[in-house]
Amino acid sequence: GAPDGGAGDSFGEMMQRLMADPEALRNVAGMMGGMGGMGGDAAPGGAQGLPWMGQTAPADNRPPEERYAEQLRQLNDMGFYDFERNVQALRRSGG
């Protein structure tokens, strides 16, 4: 068979083990650089700092011309010059 046969099952099994084992969650967070310095012991089950466990990034409050400068430049290069529509599209798509 193919060397990657059943990879989906093993990934699902790995995720189930991670979700059931706080120590495994802490280990993963440690391998990922501590997720911005958030300690695994700060929340029950070691879920603190893991983005898929409800942790969200701080809001980006910069003006759109600064926040999306590179994307707006690319859109202009492609012939899309309507600033408001471009910003609206970038907000909808997450940048």
PDB file of N, CA and C in Angstrom:
ATOM      1  N   GLY A   1       0.817  -1.190   0.000  1.00  0.00           N
ATOM      2  CA  GLY A   1       0.000   0.000   0.000  1.00  0.00           C
ATOM      3  C   GLY A   1       0.856   1.246   0.000  1.00  0.00           C
ATOM      4  N   ALA A   2       0.215   2.384  -0.084  1.00  0.00           N
ATOM      5  CA  ALA A   2       0.916   3.673  -0.102  1.00  0.00           C
ATOM      6  C   ALA A   2       1.465   3.987   1.280  1.00  0.00           C
ATOM      7  N   PRO A   3       2.634   4.618   1.355  1.00  0.00           N
ATOM      8  CA  PRO A   3       3.234   4.913   2.650  1.00  0.00           C
ATOM      9  C   PRO A   3       2.389   5.854   3.500  1.00  0.00           C
ATOM     10  N   ASP A   4       1.528   6.658   2.863  1.00  0.00           N
ATOM     11  CA  ASP A   4       0.711   7.579   3.644  1.00  0.00           C
ATOM     12  C   ASP A   4      -0.701   7.036   3.874  1.00  0.00           C
ATOM     13  N   GLY A   5      -0.936   5.775   3.578  1.00  0.00           N
ATOM     14  CA  GLY A   5      -2.250   5.185   3.763  1.00  0.00           C
ATOM     15  C   GLY A   5      -2.692   5.283   5.208  1.00  0.00           C
ATOM     16  N   GLY A   6      -3.925   5.760   5.447  1.00  0.00           N
ATOM     17  CA  GLY A   6      -4.457   5.864   6.791  1.00  0.00           C
ATOM     18  C   GLY A   6      -3.964   7.082   7.540  1.00  0.00           C
ATOM     19  N   ALA A   7      -3.306   8.019   6.853  1.00  0.00           N
ATOM     20  CA  ALA A   7      -2.767   9.197   7.533  1.00  0.00           C
ATOM     21  C   ALA A   7      -3.886  10.002   8.183  1.00  0.00           C
ATOM     22  N   GLY A   8      -5.054  10.064   7.559  1.00  0.00           N
ATOM     23  CA  GLY A   8      -6.169  10.798   8.136  1.00  0.00           C
ATOM     24  C   GLY A   8      -6.603  10.211   9.463  1.00  0.00           C
ATOM     25  N   ASP A   9      -6.634   8.874   9.543  1.00  0.00           N
ATOM     26  CA  ASP A   9      -7.008   8.220  10.790  1.00  0.00           C
ATOM     27  C   ASP A   9      -5.979   8.494  11.873  1.00  0.00           C
ATOM     28  N   SER A  10      -4.700   8.399  11.542  1.00  0.00           N
ATOM     29  CA  SER A  10      -3.687   8.613  12.568  1.00  0.00           C
ATOM     30  C   SER A  10      -3.684  10.060  13.027  1.00  0.00           C
ATOM     31  N   PHE A  11      -3.984  11.026  12.139  1.00  0.00           N
ATOM     32  CA  PHE A  11      -4.074  12.425  12.544  1.00  0.00           C
ATOM     33  C   PHE A  11      -5.240  12.605  13.511  1.00  0.00           C
ATOM     34  N   GLY A  12      -6.389  12.008  13.181  1.00  0.00           N
ATOM     35  CA  GLY A  12      -7.551  12.104  14.067  1.00  0.00           C
ATOM     36  C   GLY A  12      -7.274  11.489  15.426  1.00  0.00           C
ATOM     37  N   GLU A  13      -6.604  10.350  15.424  1.00  0.00           N
ATOM     38  CA  GLU A  13      -6.251   9.697  16.684  1.00  0.00           C
ATOM     39  C   GLU A  13      -5.292  10.564  17.479  1.00  0.00           C
ATOM     40  N   MET A  14      -4.318  11.180  16.804  1.00  0.00           N
ATOM     41  CA  MET A  14      -3.364  12.046  17.478  1.00  0.00           C
ATOM     42  C   MET A  14      -4.099  13.237  18.111  1.00  0.00           C
ATOM     43  N   MET A  15      -5.042  13.841  17.372  1.00  0.00           N
ATOM     44  CA  MET A  15      -5.779  14.982  17.909  1.00  0.00           C
ATOM     45  C   MET A  15      -6.611  14.572  19.121  1.00  0.00           C
ATOM     46  N   GLN A  16      -7.211  13.388  19.064  1.00  0.00           N
ATOM     47  CA  GLN A  16      -7.991  12.917  20.208  1.00  0.00           C
ATOM     48  C   GLN A  16      -7.103  12.747  21.433  1.00  0.00           C
ATOM     49  N   ARG A  17      -5.899  12.178  21.225  1.00  0.00           N
ATOM     50  CA  ARG A  17      -4.972  12.014  22.347  1.00  0.00           C
ATOM     51  C   ARG A  17      -4.544  13.363  22.904  1.00  0.00           C
ATOM     52  N   LEU A  18      -4.263  14.314  22.019  1.00  0.00           N
ATOM     53  CA  LEU A  18      -3.857  15.645  22.474  1.00  0.00           C
ATOM     54  C   LEU A  18      -4.958  16.311  23.295  1.00  0.00           C
ATOM     55  N   MET A  19      -6.186  16.209  22.836  1.00  0.00           N
ATOM     56  CA  MET A  19      -7.291  16.869  23.517  1.00  0.00           C
ATOM     57  C   MET A  19      -7.576  16.218  24.870  1.00  0.00           C
ATOM     58  N   ALA A  20      -7.246  14.945  25.006  1.00  0.00           N
ATOM     59  CA  ALA A  20      -7.520  14.232  26.244  1.00  0.00           C
ATOM     60  C   ALA A  20      -6.361  14.306  27.234  1.00  0.00           C
ATOM     61  N   ASP A  21      -5.195  14.766  26.800  1.00  0.00           N
ATOM     62  CA  ASP A  21      -4.002  14.727  27.644  1.00  0.00           C
ATOM     63  C   ASP A  21      -3.406  16.124  27.816  1.00  0.00           C
ATOM     64  N   PRO A  22      -3.647  16.773  28.963  1.00  0.00           N
ATOM     65  CA  PRO A  22      -3.115  18.123  29.183  1.00  0.00           C
ATOM     66  C   PRO A  22      -1.600  18.206  29.025  1.00  0.00           C
ATOM     67  N   GLU A  23      -0.891  17.175  29.415  1.00  0.00           N
ATOM     68  CA  GLU A  23       0.571  17.185  29.284  1.00  0.00           C
ATOM     69  C   GLU A  23       0.975  17.209  27.809  1.00  0.00           C
ATOM     70  N   ALA A  24       0.256  16.472  26.979  1.00  0.00           N
ATOM     71  CA  ALA A  24       0.543  16.482  25.548  1.00  0.00           C
ATOM     72  C   ALA A  24       0.274  17.868  24.965  1.00  0.00           C
ATOM     73  N   LEU A  25      -0.799  18.523  25.407  1.00  0.00           N
ATOM     74  CA  LEU A  25      -1.087  19.880  24.948  1.00  0.00           C
ATOM     75  C   LEU A  25       0.045  20.828  25.318  1.00  0.00           C
ATOM     76  N   ARG A  26       0.550  20.708  26.539  1.00  0.00           N
ATOM     77  CA  ARG A  26       1.667  21.559  26.966  1.00  0.00           C
ATOM     78  C   ARG A  26       2.901  21.295  26.119  1.00  0.00           C
ATOM     79  N   ASN A  27       3.145  20.034  25.792  1.00  0.00           N
ATOM     80  CA  ASN A  27       4.301  19.698  24.963  1.00  0.00           C
ATOM     81  C   ASN A  27       4.178  20.318  23.571  1.00  0.00           C
ATOM     82  N   VAL A  28       2.991  20.235  22.985  1.00  0.00           N
ATOM     83  CA  VAL A  28       2.777  20.826  21.661  1.00  0.00           C
ATOM     84  C   VAL A  28       2.975  22.328  21.739  1.00  0.00           C
ATOM     85  N   ALA A  29       2.417  22.963  22.772  1.00  0.00           N
ATOM     86  CA  ALA A  29       2.574  24.410  22.927  1.00  0.00           C
ATOM     87  C   ALA A  29       4.050  24.760  23.081  1.00  0.00           C
ATOM     88  N   GLY A  30       4.798  23.946  23.791  1.00  0.00           N
ATOM     89  CA  GLY A  30       6.231  24.182  23.950  1.00  0.00           C
ATOM     90  C   GLY A  30       6.972  24.051  22.632  1.00  0.00           C
ATOM     91  N   MET A  31       6.594  23.070  21.814  1.00  0.00           N
ATOM     92  CA  MET A  31       7.231  22.890  20.515  1.00  0.00           C
ATOM     93  C   MET A  31       6.924  24.047  19.584  1.00  0.00           C
ATOM     94  N   MET A  32       5.793  24.714  19.799  1.00  0.00           N
ATOM     95  CA  MET A  32       5.390  25.828  18.950  1.00  0.00           C
ATOM     96  C   MET A  32       5.904  27.145  19.512  1.00  0.00           C
ATOM     97  N   GLY A  33       6.896  27.098  20.354  1.00  0.00           N
ATOM     98  CA  GLY A  33       7.489  28.316  20.881  1.00  0.00           C
ATOM     99  C   GLY A  33       6.703  28.916  22.023  1.00  0.00           C
ATOM    100  N   GLY A  34       5.912  28.121  22.698  1.00  0.00           N
ATOM    101  CA  GLY A  34       5.170  28.611  23.846  1.00  0.00           C
ATOM    102  C   GLY A  34       4.010  29.522  23.481  1.00  0.00           C
ATOM    103  N   MET A  35       3.707  29.643  22.203  1.00  0.00           N
ATOM    104  CA  MET A  35       2.583  30.454  21.744  1.00  0.00           C
ATOM    105  C   MET A  35       2.643  31.862  22.328  1.00  0.00           C
ATOM    106  N   GLY A  36       3.730  32.540  22.086  1.00  0.00           N
ATOM    107  CA  GLY A  36       3.851  33.921  22.519  1.00  0.00           C
ATOM    108  C   GLY A  36       4.120  34.052  23.999  1.00  0.00           C
ATOM    109  N   GLY A  37       4.692  33.035  24.606  1.00  0.00           N
ATOM    110  CA  GLY A  37       5.037  33.111  26.014  1.00  0.00           C
ATOM    111  C   GLY A  37       3.920  32.706  26.949  1.00  0.00           C
ATOM    112  N   MET A  38       2.793  32.280  26.429  1.00  0.00           N
ATOM    113  CA  MET A  38       1.698  31.854  27.285  1.00  0.00           C
ATOM    114  C   MET A  38       2.041  30.500  27.890  1.00  0.00           C
ATOM    115  N   GLY A  39       1.956  30.397  29.174  1.00  0.00           N
ATOM    116  CA  GLY A  39       2.274  29.145  29.844  1.00  0.00           C
ATOM    117  C   GLY A  39       1.147  28.158  29.747  1.00  0.00           C
ATOM    118  N   GLY A  40       1.470  26.890  29.599  1.00  0.00           N
ATOM    119  CA  GLY A  40       0.446  25.861  29.510  1.00  0.00           C
ATOM    120  C   GLY A  40      -0.296  25.651  30.812  1.00  0.00           C
ATOM    121  N   ASP A  41       0.266  26.096  31.955  1.00  0.00           N
ATOM    122  CA  ASP A  41      -0.369  25.875  33.244  1.00  0.00           C
ATOM    123  C   ASP A  41      -1.380  26.962  33.593  1.00  0.00           C
ATOM    124  N   ALA A  42      -1.550  27.967  32.750  1.00  0.00           N
ATOM    125  CA  ALA A  42      -2.393  29.103  33.078  1.00  0.00           C
ATOM    126  C   ALA A  42      -3.886  28.795  32.973  1.00  0.00           C
ATOM    127  N   ALA A  43      -4.244  27.718  32.309  1.00  0.00           N
ATOM    128  CA  ALA A  43      -5.658  27.386  32.149  1.00  0.00           C
ATOM    129  C   ALA A  43      -5.858  25.902  32.427  1.00  0.00           C
ATOM    130  N   PRO A  44      -7.054  25.527  32.881  1.00  0.00           N
ATOM    131  CA  PRO A  44      -7.324  24.103  33.110  1.00  0.00           C
ATOM    132  C   PRO A  44      -7.101  23.305  31.837  1.00  0.00           C
ATOM    133  N   GLY A  45      -6.446  22.204  31.964  1.00  0.00           N
ATOM    134  CA  GLY A  45      -6.213  21.326  30.822  1.00  0.00           C
ATOM    135  C   GLY A  45      -5.077  21.776  29.936  1.00  0.00           C
ATOM    136  N   GLY A  46      -4.367  22.812  30.301  1.00  0.00           N
ATOM    137  CA  GLY A  46      -3.227  23.261  29.507  1.00  0.00           C
ATOM    138  C   GLY A  46      -3.628  23.885  28.190  1.00  0.00           C
ATOM    139  N   ALA A  47      -4.852  24.415  28.082  1.00  0.00           N
ATOM    140  CA  ALA A  47      -5.326  24.937  26.808  1.00  0.00           C
ATOM    141  C   ALA A  47      -4.921  26.386  26.570  1.00  0.00           C
ATOM    142  N   GLN A  48      -4.387  27.062  27.572  1.00  0.00           N
ATOM    143  CA  GLN A  48      -4.044  28.483  27.412  1.00  0.00           C
ATOM    144  C   GLN A  48      -3.021  28.667  26.302  1.00  0.00           C
ATOM    145  N   GLY A  49      -3.269  29.629  25.432  1.00  0.00           N
ATOM    146  CA  GLY A  49      -2.314  29.967  24.391  1.00  0.00           C
ATOM    147  C   GLY A  49      -2.458  29.171  23.107  1.00  0.00           C
ATOM    148  N   LEU A  50      -3.333  28.205  23.047  1.00  0.00           N
ATOM    149  CA  LEU A  50      -3.523  27.432  21.829  1.00  0.00           C
ATOM    150  C   LEU A  50      -4.645  28.077  21.026  1.00  0.00           C
ATOM    151  N   PRO A  51      -4.360  28.538  19.804  1.00  0.00           N
ATOM    152  CA  PRO A  51      -5.346  29.322  19.064  1.00  0.00           C
ATOM    153  C   PRO A  51      -6.647  28.590  18.804  1.00  0.00           C
ATOM    154  N   TRP A  52      -6.616  27.289  18.637  1.00  0.00           N
ATOM    155  CA  TRP A  52      -7.850  26.559  18.359  1.00  0.00           C
ATOM    156  C   TRP A  52      -8.650  26.296  19.633  1.00  0.00           C
ATOM    157  N   MET A  53      -8.143  26.766  20.777  1.00  0.00           N
ATOM    158  CA  MET A  53      -8.849  26.573  22.041  1.00  0.00           C
ATOM    159  C   MET A  53      -9.474  27.885  22.527  1.00  0.00           C
ATOM    160  N   GLY A  54      -9.769  28.824  21.613  1.00  0.00           N
ATOM    161  CA  GLY A  54     -10.467  30.037  21.975  1.00  0.00           C
ATOM    162  C   GLY A  54      -9.570  31.241  22.178  1.00  0.00           C
ATOM    163  N   GLN A  55      -8.271  31.078  22.106  1.00  0.00           N
ATOM    164  CA  GLN A  55      -7.358  32.208  22.242  1.00  0.00           C
ATOM    165  C   GLN A  55      -7.397  33.011  20.949  1.00  0.00           C
ATOM    166  N   THR A  56      -7.603  34.326  21.038  1.00  0.00           N
ATOM    167  CA  THR A  56      -7.670  35.146  19.846  1.00  0.00           C
ATOM    168  C   THR A  56      -6.561  36.177  19.837  1.00  0.00           C
ATOM    169  N   ALA A  57      -6.188  36.595  18.655  1.00  0.00           N
ATOM    170  CA  ALA A  57      -5.148  37.620  18.502  1.00  0.00           C
ATOM    171  C   ALA A  57      -5.744  38.984  18.849  1.00  0.00           C
ATOM    172  N   PRO A  58      -4.920  39.905  19.322  1.00  0.00           N
ATOM    173  CA  PRO A  58      -5.439  41.248  19.614  1.00  0.00           C
ATOM    174  C   PRO A  58      -5.929  41.923  18.330  1.00  0.00           C
ATOM    175  N   ALA A  59      -6.935  42.782  18.471  1.00  0.00           N
ATOM    176  CA  ALA A  59      -7.499  43.475  17.314  1.00  0.00           C
ATOM    177  C   ALA A  59      -6.462  44.416  16.711  1.00  0.00           C
ATOM    178  N   ASP A  60      -6.435  44.464  15.400  1.00  0.00           N
ATOM    179  CA  ASP A  60      -5.539  45.375  14.687  1.00  0.00           C
ATOM    180  C   ASP A  60      -6.316  46.661  14.432  1.00  0.00           C
ATOM    181  N   ASN A  61      -5.998  47.698  15.171  1.00  0.00           N
ATOM    182  CA  ASN A  61      -6.753  48.951  15.094  1.00  0.00           C
ATOM    183  C   ASN A  61      -6.106  49.986  14.194  1.00  0.00           C
ATOM    184  N   ARG A  62      -5.118  49.573  13.399  1.00  0.00           N
ATOM    185  CA  ARG A  62      -4.487  50.516  12.479  1.00  0.00           C
ATOM    186  C   ARG A  62      -5.469  50.893  11.375  1.00  0.00           C
ATOM    187  N   PRO A  63      -5.305  52.090  10.789  1.00  0.00           N
ATOM    188  CA  PRO A  63      -6.176  52.464   9.664  1.00  0.00           C
ATOM    189  C   PRO A  63      -5.962  51.513   8.487  1.00  0.00           C
ATOM    190  N   PRO A  64      -6.991  51.303   7.652  1.00  0.00           N
ATOM    191  CA  PRO A  64      -6.889  50.311   6.573  1.00  0.00           C
ATOM    192  C   PRO A  64      -5.751  50.587   5.596  1.00  0.00           C
ATOM    193  N   GLU A  65      -5.457  51.867   5.339  1.00  0.00           N
ATOM    194  CA  GLU A  65      -4.375  52.151   4.386  1.00  0.00           C
ATOM    195  C   GLU A  65      -3.022  51.693   4.923  1.00  0.00           C
ATOM    196  N   GLU A  66      -2.897  51.592   6.250  1.00  0.00           N
ATOM    197  CA  GLU A  66      -1.668  51.074   6.857  1.00  0.00           C
ATOM    198  C   GLU A  66      -1.739  49.555   7.003  1.00  0.00           C
ATOM    199  N   ARG A  67      -2.864  49.075   7.500  1.00  0.00           N
ATOM    200  CA  ARG A  67      -3.045  47.638   7.755  1.00  0.00           C
ATOM    201  C   ARG A  67      -2.937  46.814   6.471  1.00  0.00           C
ATOM    202  N   TYR A  68      -3.512  47.318   5.387  1.00  0.00           N
ATOM    203  CA  TYR A  68      -3.557  46.583   4.131  1.00  0.00           C
ATOM    204  C   TYR A  68      -2.659  47.208   3.060  1.00  0.00           C
ATOM    205  N   ALA A  69      -1.608  47.906   3.456  1.00  0.00           N
ATOM    206  CA  ALA A  69      -0.780  48.650   2.498  1.00  0.00           C
ATOM    207  C   ALA A  69      -0.293  47.761   1.354  1.00  0.00           C
ATOM    208  N   GLU A  70       0.262  46.615   1.672  1.00  0.00           N
ATOM    209  CA  GLU A  70       0.809  45.737   0.633  1.00  0.00           C
ATOM    210  C   GLU A  70      -0.297  45.198  -0.276  1.00  0.00           C
ATOM    211  N   GLN A  71      -1.414  44.762   0.323  1.00  0.00           N
ATOM    212  CA  GLN A  71      -2.512  44.220  -0.477  1.00  0.00           C
ATOM    213  C   GLN A  71      -3.133  45.302  -1.363  1.00  0.00           C
ATOM    214  N   LEU A  72      -3.284  46.521  -0.820  1.00  0.00           N
ATOM    215  CA  LEU A  72      -3.836  47.615  -1.621  1.00  0.00           C
ATOM    216  C   LEU A  72      -2.923  47.940  -2.796  1.00  0.00           C
ATOM    217  N   ARG A  73      -1.625  47.901  -2.561  1.00  0.00           N
ATOM    218  CA  ARG A  73      -0.661  48.137  -3.637  1.00  0.00           C
ATOM    219  C   ARG A  73      -0.821  47.067  -4.726  1.00  0.00           C
ATOM    220  N   GLN A  74      -0.966  45.817  -4.307  1.00  0.00           N
ATOM    221  CA  GLN A  74      -1.138  44.729  -5.276  1.00  0.00           C
ATOM    222  C   GLN A  74      -2.436  44.895  -6.062  1.00  0.00           C
ATOM    223  N   LEU A  75      -3.521  45.263  -5.376  1.00  0.00           N
ATOM    224  CA  LEU A  75      -4.791  45.471  -6.066  1.00  0.00           C
ATOM    225  C   LEU A  75      -4.675  46.622  -7.071  1.00  0.00           C
ATOM    226  N   ASN A  76      -4.017  47.706  -6.678  1.00  0.00           N
ATOM    227  CA  ASN A  76      -3.812  48.828  -7.606  1.00  0.00           C
ATOM    228  C   ASN A  76      -3.002  48.380  -8.816  1.00  0.00           C
ATOM    229  N   ASP A  77      -1.982  47.559  -8.585  1.00  0.00           N
ATOM    230  CA  ASP A  77      -1.161  47.061  -9.684  1.00  0.00           C
ATOM    231  C   ASP A  77      -1.987  46.212 -10.661  1.00  0.00           C
ATOM    232  N   MET A  78      -3.059  45.601 -10.163  1.00  0.00           N
ATOM    233  CA  MET A  78      -3.927  44.776 -11.012  1.00  0.00           C
ATOM    234  C   MET A  78      -5.052  45.593 -11.642  1.00  0.00           C
ATOM    235  N   GLY A  79      -5.094  46.901 -11.350  1.00  0.00           N
ATOM    236  CA  GLY A  79      -6.103  47.749 -11.969  1.00  0.00           C
ATOM    237  C   GLY A  79      -7.325  48.026 -11.112  1.00  0.00           C
ATOM    238  N   PHE A  80      -7.287  47.636  -9.842  1.00  0.00           N
ATOM    239  CA  PHE A  80      -8.406  47.896  -8.927  1.00  0.00           C
ATOM    240  C   PHE A  80      -8.054  49.138  -8.104  1.00  0.00           C
ATOM    241  N   TYR A  81      -8.712  50.275  -8.416  1.00  0.00           N
ATOM    242  CA  TYR A  81      -8.328  51.550  -7.816  1.00  0.00           C
ATOM    243  C   TYR A  81      -9.336  52.093  -6.811  1.00  0.00           C
ATOM    244  N   ASP A  82     -10.485  51.455  -6.639  1.00  0.00           N
ATOM    245  CA  ASP A  82     -11.515  51.952  -5.719  1.00  0.00           C
ATOM    246  C   ASP A  82     -11.136  51.567  -4.287  1.00  0.00           C
ATOM    247  N   PHE A  83     -10.606  52.535  -3.556  1.00  0.00           N
ATOM    248  CA  PHE A  83     -10.083  52.284  -2.203  1.00  0.00           C
ATOM    249  C   PHE A  83     -11.132  51.641  -1.302  1.00  0.00           C
ATOM    250  N   GLU A  84     -12.331  52.208  -1.242  1.00  0.00           N
ATOM    251  CA  GLU A  84     -13.368  51.704  -0.334  1.00  0.00           C
ATOM    252  C   GLU A  84     -13.760  50.260  -0.660  1.00  0.00           C
ATOM    253  N   ARG A  85     -13.935  49.967  -1.929  1.00  0.00           N
ATOM    254  CA  ARG A  85     -14.297  48.601  -2.326  1.00  0.00           C
ATOM    255  C   ARG A  85     -13.151  47.635  -2.053  1.00  0.00           C
ATOM    256  N   ASN A  86     -11.925  48.083  -2.283  1.00  0.00           N
ATOM    257  CA  ASN A  86     -10.763  47.231  -2.012  1.00  0.00           C
ATOM    258  C   ASN A  86     -10.668  46.917  -0.524  1.00  0.00           C
ATOM    259  N   VAL A  87     -10.828  47.927   0.321  1.00  0.00           N
ATOM    260  CA  VAL A  87     -10.767  47.713   1.774  1.00  0.00           C
ATOM    261  C   VAL A  87     -11.896  46.795   2.213  1.00  0.00           C
ATOM    262  N   GLN A  88     -13.089  47.008   1.665  1.00  0.00           N
ATOM    263  CA  GLN A  88     -14.229  46.150   2.009  1.00  0.00           C
ATOM    264  C   GLN A  88     -13.925  44.687   1.653  1.00  0.00           C
ATOM    265  N   ALA A  89     -13.366  44.464   0.482  1.00  0.00           N
ATOM    266  CA  ALA A  89     -13.013  43.097   0.063  1.00  0.00           C
ATOM    267  C   ALA A  89     -11.926  42.509   0.961  1.00  0.00           C
ATOM    268  N   LEU A  90     -10.944  43.316   1.313  1.00  0.00           N
ATOM    269  CA  LEU A  90      -9.869  42.828   2.183  1.00  0.00           C
ATOM    270  C   LEU A  90     -10.390  42.490   3.572  1.00  0.00           C
ATOM    271  N   ARG A  91     -11.292  43.291   4.087  1.00  0.00           N
ATOM    272  CA  ARG A  91     -11.884  42.991   5.412  1.00  0.00           C
ATOM    273  C   ARG A  91     -12.683  41.687   5.375  1.00  0.00           C
ATOM    274  N   ARG A  92     -13.457  41.497   4.318  1.00  0.00           N
ATOM    275  CA  ARG A  92     -14.257  40.276   4.196  1.00  0.00           C
ATOM    276  C   ARG A  92     -13.391  39.034   4.092  1.00  0.00           C
ATOM    277  N   SER A  93     -12.247  39.175   3.408  1.00  0.00           N
ATOM    278  CA  SER A  93     -11.399  38.004   3.185  1.00  0.00           C
ATOM    279  C   SER A  93     -10.323  37.829   4.258  1.00  0.00           C
ATOM    280  N   GLY A  94     -10.267  38.748   5.200  1.00  0.00           N
ATOM    281  CA  GLY A  94      -9.260  38.654   6.247  1.00  0.00           C
ATOM    282  C   GLY A  94      -7.903  39.121   5.785  1.00  0.00           C
ATOM    283  N   GLY A  95      -7.874  39.918   4.741  1.00  0.00           N
ATOM    284  CA  GLY A  95      -6.604  40.493   4.276  1.00  0.00           C
ATOM    285  C   GLY A  95      -6.153  39.877   3.005  1.00  0.00           C
TER     286      GLY A  95
END
